C-alpha atoms as a PDB file:
ATOM      1  CA  MET A   1       0.000   0.000   0.000  1.00  0.00           C
ATOM      2  CA  THR A   2       2.819   2.422   0.839  1.00  0.00           C
ATOM      3  CA  LYS A   3       4.345   1.768  -2.596  1.00  0.00           C
ATOM      4  CA  ASN A   4       1.085   2.807  -4.269  1.00  0.00           C
ATOM      5  CA  ILE A   5       0.943   6.065  -2.300  1.00  0.00           C
ATOM      6  CA  THR A   6       4.570   6.869  -3.103  1.00  0.00           C
ATOM      7  CA  ALA A   7       4.131   6.010  -6.780  1.00  0.00           C
ATOM      8  CA  GLY A   8       1.043   8.209  -6.983  1.00  0.00           C
ATOM      9  CA  ALA A   9       2.888  11.136  -5.447  1.00  0.00           C
ATOM     10  CA  ASP A  10       5.775  10.619  -7.884  1.00  0.00           C
ATOM     11  CA  ARG A  11       3.370  10.636 -10.841  1.00  0.00           C
ATOM     12  CA  ARG A  12       1.690  13.830  -9.630  1.00  0.00           C
ATOM     13  CA  ARG A  13       5.074  15.528  -9.201  1.00  0.00           C
ATOM     14  CA  ALA A  14       6.214  14.462 -12.670  1.00  0.00           C
ATOM     15  CA  ALA A  15       2.920  15.550 -14.233  1.00  0.00           C
ATOM     16  CA  SER A  16       3.134  18.979 -12.609  1.00  0.00           C
ATOM     17  CA  GLY A  17       6.736  19.447 -13.759  1.00  0.00           C
ATOM     18  CA  ASP A  18       8.012  19.318 -10.164  1.00  0.00           C
ATOM     19  CA  LEU A  19      10.930  16.952 -10.673  1.00  0.00           C
ATOM     20  CA  LEU A  20      12.783  18.047  -7.550  1.00  0.00           C
ATOM     21  CA  GLY A  21       9.992  17.123  -5.158  1.00  0.00           C
ATOM     22  CA  PRO A  22      10.573  18.629  -1.717  1.00  0.00           C
ATOM     23  CA  ASN A  23      13.733  20.367  -2.981  1.00  0.00           C
ATOM     24  CA  SER A  24      11.746  22.448  -5.444  1.00  0.00           C
ATOM     25  CA  GLU A  25      10.850  24.915  -2.675  1.00  0.00           C
ATOM     26  CA  ILE A  26      14.554  25.390  -1.966  1.00  0.00           C
ATOM     27  CA  GLY A  27      15.144  25.958  -5.680  1.00  0.00           C
ATOM     28  CA  ARG A  28      12.378  28.544  -5.832  1.00  0.00           C
ATOM     29  CA  LYS A  29      13.798  30.402  -2.822  1.00  0.00           C
ATOM     30  CA  LEU A  30      17.316  30.372  -4.307  1.00  0.00           C
ATOM     31  CA  LYS A  31      16.014  31.715  -7.619  1.00  0.00           C
ATOM     32  CA  GLN A  32      14.077  34.443  -5.805  1.00  0.00           C
ATOM     33  CA  TYR A  33      17.193  35.403  -3.821  1.00  0.00           C
ATOM     34  CA  TYR A  34      19.343  35.458  -6.977  1.00  0.00           C
ATOM     35  CA  ASP A  35      16.792  37.585  -8.840  1.00  0.00           C
ATOM     36  CA  GLU A  36      16.769  40.084  -5.969  1.00  0.00           C
ATOM     37  CA  LEU A  37      20.575  40.282  -5.978  1.00  0.00           C
ATOM     38  CA  VAL A  38      20.733  40.847  -9.724  1.00  0.00           C
ATOM     39  CA  SER A  39      18.166  43.642  -9.568  1.00  0.00           C
ATOM     40  CA  ASP A  40      19.855  45.461  -6.653  1.00  0.00           C
ATOM     41  CA  HIS A  41      21.278  48.915  -7.310  1.00  0.00           C
ATOM     42  CA  VAL A  42      25.085  49.073  -7.563  1.00  0.00           C
ATOM     43  CA  PRO A  43      26.477  51.870  -5.364  1.00  0.00           C
ATOM     44  CA  ASP A  44      28.032  54.730  -7.347  1.00  0.00           C
ATOM     45  CA  ARG A  45      31.446  54.324  -5.721  1.00  0.00           C
ATOM     46  CA  PHE A  46      31.533  50.634  -6.616  1.00  0.00           C
ATOM     47  CA  ALA A  47      30.539  51.392 -10.216  1.00  0.00           C
ATOM     48  CA  GLN A  48      33.359  53.969 -10.412  1.00  0.00           C
ATOM     49  CA  LEU A  49      35.887  51.445  -9.140  1.00  0.00           C
ATOM     50  CA  LEU A  50      34.725  48.893 -11.713  1.00  0.00           C
ATOM     51  CA  SER A  51      35.067  51.489 -14.457  1.00  0.00           C
ATOM     52  CA  GLN A  52      38.618  52.308 -13.345  1.00  0.00           C
ATOM     53  CA  LEU A  53      39.472  48.617 -13.330  1.00  0.00           C
ATOM     54  CA  GLU A  54      38.117  48.151 -16.844  1.00  0.00           C
ATOM     55  CA  GLN A  55      40.226  51.087 -18.068  1.00  0.00           C
ATOM     56  CA  ALA A  56      43.347  49.747 -16.363  1.00  0.00           C
ATOM     57  CA  GLU A  57      43.065  46.220 -17.810  1.00  0.00           C
ATOM     58  CA  PRO A  58      43.766  47.180 -21.471  1.00  0.00           C
ATOM     59  CA  ALA A  59      46.805  49.182 -20.332  1.00  0.00           C
ATOM     60  CA  GLN A  60      48.171  46.107 -18.528  1.00  0.00           C
ATOM     61  CA  LYS A  61      47.720  43.912 -21.610  1.00  0.00           C
ATOM     62  CA  LYS A  62      49.780  46.334 -23.734  1.00  0.00           C
ATOM     63  CA  ASP A  63      52.748  46.149 -21.337  1.00  0.00           C
END
């Protein structure tokens, strides 16, 4: 009987596209966290430092 219950749950998960089962909630939370990080504003000072780094890299390659 337990096998039938487990098999039924597996079929429902597969039919709904939820292949990760209980781990799918973790995956959703990780994706949500990543999406929030990507959309965060980059501080102006950090953007300036990145720009300076990008300008310095071509000069280093020429040397």
